[in-house]
Amino acid sequence: MSVEKIDTLVVGGGQAGLAMSEHLSKCGVPHLVLERHRIAERWRSERWDSLVANGPAWHDRFPGMEFPDIDPDGFAPKEMVADYFWPMPGRSPPPSVAGWR
């Protein structure tokens, strides 16, 4: 088993954790995102079907990204939010490890 040394850990691969990972990546800070399940799994399987984002799409987006196919004043449904967390063209996946408790 190899041992990896890293100084910066982000605990949780939800919206805040992924936003932090994005900022750390842009600043060139090596880091790792620890997540209990796969990225955005709780949005997919542990939420009510009727759940929508807390704010309008123009507010709840990541810097430099837009929600696809939704009015900026609309509220993204949970499936759209979960899909939004996955890498889009031109965006790399976060350095992450799933299965941590």
C-alpha atoms as a PDB file:
ATOM      1  CA  MET A   1       0.000   0.000   0.000  1.00  0.00           C
ATOM      2  CA  SER A   2       1.442   3.351  -0.981  1.00  0.00           C
ATOM      3  CA  VAL A   3       1.377   6.313   1.371  1.00  0.00           C
ATOM      4  CA  GLU A   4       0.499   9.749   0.058  1.00  0.00           C
ATOM      5  CA  LYS A   5       1.397  12.889   1.971  1.00  0.00           C
ATOM      6  CA  ILE A   6      -0.780  15.936   1.514  1.00  0.00           C
ATOM      7  CA  ASP A   7      -1.119  19.084   3.603  1.00  0.00           C
ATOM      8  CA  THR A   8      -4.643  20.150   2.622  1.00  0.00           C
ATOM      9  CA  LEU A   9      -7.789  18.027   3.020  1.00  0.00           C
ATOM     10  CA  VAL A  10     -11.310  19.071   2.138  1.00  0.00           C
ATOM     11  CA  VAL A  11     -13.838  17.041   4.100  1.00  0.00           C
ATOM     12  CA  GLY A  12     -17.002  16.471   2.103  1.00  0.00           C
ATOM     13  CA  GLY A  13     -17.722  16.462  -1.612  1.00  0.00           C
ATOM     14  CA  GLY A  14     -20.881  18.549  -1.510  1.00  0.00           C
ATOM     15  CA  GLN A  15     -21.344  22.005  -2.997  1.00  0.00           C
ATOM     16  CA  ALA A  16     -19.103  23.798  -0.478  1.00  0.00           C
ATOM     17  CA  GLY A  17     -16.368  21.166  -0.575  1.00  0.00           C
ATOM     18  CA  LEU A  18     -16.281  21.109  -4.372  1.00  0.00           C
ATOM     19  CA  ALA A  19     -16.276  24.903  -4.547  1.00  0.00           C
ATOM     20  CA  MET A  20     -13.312  24.945  -2.155  1.00  0.00           C
ATOM     21  CA  SER A  21     -11.559  22.313  -4.273  1.00  0.00           C
ATOM     22  CA  GLU A  22     -12.095  24.467  -7.355  1.00  0.00           C
ATOM     23  CA  HIS A  23     -10.538  27.496  -5.636  1.00  0.00           C
ATOM     24  CA  LEU A  24      -7.593  25.472  -4.286  1.00  0.00           C
ATOM     25  CA  SER A  25      -6.950  24.035  -7.756  1.00  0.00           C
ATOM     26  CA  LYS A  26      -6.953  27.490  -9.334  1.00  0.00           C
ATOM     27  CA  CYS A  27      -4.415  28.613  -6.711  1.00  0.00           C
ATOM     28  CA  GLY A  28      -2.206  25.575  -7.373  1.00  0.00           C
ATOM     29  CA  VAL A  29      -2.665  24.131  -3.874  1.00  0.00           C
ATOM     30  CA  PRO A  30      -2.355  20.317  -3.816  1.00  0.00           C
ATOM     31  CA  HIS A  31      -5.312  18.869  -1.932  1.00  0.00           C
ATOM     32  CA  LEU A  32      -7.640  15.918  -1.613  1.00  0.00           C
ATOM     33  CA  VAL A  33     -11.440  15.829  -1.188  1.00  0.00           C
ATOM     34  CA  LEU A  34     -12.666  13.096   1.172  1.00  0.00           C
ATOM     35  CA  GLU A  35     -16.231  11.911   0.613  1.00  0.00           C
ATOM     36  CA  ARG A  36     -18.239   9.129   2.263  1.00  0.00           C
ATOM     37  CA  HIS A  37     -19.815   8.035  -1.028  1.00  0.00           C
ATOM     38  CA  ARG A  38     -19.353   9.165  -4.617  1.00  0.00           C
ATOM     39  CA  ILE A  39     -19.419  12.894  -5.280  1.00  0.00           C
ATOM     40  CA  ALA A  40     -22.991  14.261  -4.996  1.00  0.00           C
ATOM     41  CA  GLU A  41     -24.381  10.873  -3.887  1.00  0.00           C
ATOM     42  CA  ARG A  42     -26.438  12.386  -1.071  1.00  0.00           C
ATOM     43  CA  TRP A  43     -28.103  14.742  -3.567  1.00  0.00           C
ATOM     44  CA  ARG A  44     -29.047  11.705  -5.665  1.00  0.00           C
ATOM     45  CA  SER A  45     -30.185   9.180  -3.078  1.00  0.00           C
ATOM     46  CA  GLU A  46     -30.745  10.859   0.292  1.00  0.00           C
ATOM     47  CA  ARG A  47     -33.017  13.777  -0.624  1.00  0.00           C
ATOM     48  CA  TRP A  48     -36.702  14.209  -1.338  1.00  0.00           C
ATOM     49  CA  ASP A  49     -37.654  14.010  -5.009  1.00  0.00           C
ATOM     50  CA  SER A  50     -39.121  17.511  -4.797  1.00  0.00           C
ATOM     51  CA  LEU A  51     -35.917  19.112  -3.433  1.00  0.00           C
ATOM     52  CA  VAL A  52     -34.586  22.141  -5.291  1.00  0.00           C
ATOM     53  CA  ALA A  53     -31.523  24.319  -4.710  1.00  0.00           C
ATOM     54  CA  ASN A  54     -31.808  26.873  -1.889  1.00  0.00           C
ATOM     55  CA  GLY A  55     -31.344  29.851  -4.182  1.00  0.00           C
ATOM     56  CA  PRO A  56     -31.884  30.818  -7.802  1.00  0.00           C
ATOM     57  CA  ALA A  57     -29.505  29.424 -10.429  1.00  0.00           C
ATOM     58  CA  TRP A  58     -27.630  32.723 -10.823  1.00  0.00           C
ATOM     59  CA  HIS A  59     -26.764  32.597  -7.092  1.00  0.00           C
ATOM     60  CA  ASP A  60     -26.116  28.877  -6.451  1.00  0.00           C
ATOM     61  CA  ARG A  61     -23.659  28.333  -9.288  1.00  0.00           C
ATOM     62  CA  PHE A  62     -19.908  27.776  -9.129  1.00  0.00           C
ATOM     63  CA  PRO A  63     -17.661  30.651 -10.221  1.00  0.00           C
ATOM     64  CA  GLY A  64     -17.322  30.664 -13.995  1.00  0.00           C
ATOM     65  CA  MET A  65     -20.084  28.083 -14.522  1.00  0.00           C
ATOM     66  CA  GLU A  66     -23.800  28.267 -15.244  1.00  0.00           C
ATOM     67  CA  PHE A  67     -26.555  25.741 -14.701  1.00  0.00           C
ATOM     68  CA  PRO A  68     -27.470  24.398 -18.145  1.00  0.00           C
ATOM     69  CA  ASP A  69     -31.028  24.624 -19.437  1.00  0.00           C
ATOM     70  CA  ILE A  70     -32.527  26.647 -16.582  1.00  0.00           C
ATOM     71  CA  ASP A  71     -33.599  30.253 -16.267  1.00  0.00           C
ATOM     72  CA  PRO A  72     -31.126  32.217 -14.096  1.00  0.00           C
ATOM     73  CA  ASP A  73     -34.011  33.046 -11.729  1.00  0.00           C
ATOM     74  CA  GLY A  74     -35.148  29.401 -11.596  1.00  0.00           C
ATOM     75  CA  PHE A  75     -34.399  26.890  -8.847  1.00  0.00           C
ATOM     76  CA  ALA A  76     -32.478  23.814 -10.006  1.00  0.00           C
ATOM     77  CA  PRO A  77     -34.023  20.430  -9.098  1.00  0.00           C
ATOM     78  CA  LYS A  78     -31.889  17.932  -7.176  1.00  0.00           C
ATOM     79  CA  GLU A  79     -30.983  15.844 -10.247  1.00  0.00           C
ATOM     80  CA  MET A  80     -29.681  18.939 -12.031  1.00  0.00           C
ATOM     81  CA  VAL A  81     -27.648  19.937  -8.973  1.00  0.00           C
ATOM     82  CA  ALA A  82     -26.112  16.448  -8.677  1.00  0.00           C
ATOM     83  CA  ASP A  83     -25.238  16.373 -12.391  1.00  0.00           C
ATOM     84  CA  TYR A  84     -23.760  19.861 -12.097  1.00  0.00           C
ATOM     85  CA  PHE A  85     -21.179  18.566  -9.610  1.00  0.00           C
ATOM     86  CA  TRP A  86     -19.673  16.181 -12.170  1.00  0.00           C
ATOM     87  CA  PRO A  87     -16.914  17.461 -14.449  1.00  0.00           C
ATOM     88  CA  MET A  88     -18.069  19.413 -17.460  1.00  0.00           C
ATOM     89  CA  PRO A  89     -16.073  19.925 -20.660  1.00  0.00           C
ATOM     90  CA  GLY A  90     -12.907  21.866 -19.847  1.00  0.00           C
ATOM     91  CA  ARG A  91     -13.172  21.128 -16.118  1.00  0.00           C
ATOM     92  CA  SER A  92     -11.192  18.403 -14.389  1.00  0.00           C
ATOM     93  CA  PRO A  93     -12.694  16.192 -11.704  1.00  0.00           C
ATOM     94  CA  PRO A  94     -11.685  17.066  -8.153  1.00  0.00           C
ATOM     95  CA  PRO A  95      -8.851  15.058  -6.613  1.00  0.00           C
ATOM     96  CA  SER A  96     -11.056  12.879  -4.421  1.00  0.00           C
ATOM     97  CA  VAL A  97     -11.238   9.671  -2.447  1.00  0.00           C
ATOM     98  CA  ALA A  98     -14.636   8.089  -1.824  1.00  0.00           C
ATOM     99  CA  GLY A  99     -15.621   5.676   0.908  1.00  0.00           C
ATOM    100  CA  TRP A 100     -14.300   7.556   3.955  1.00  0.00           C
ATOM    101  CA  ARG A 101     -16.150   7.532   7.273  1.00  0.00           C
END
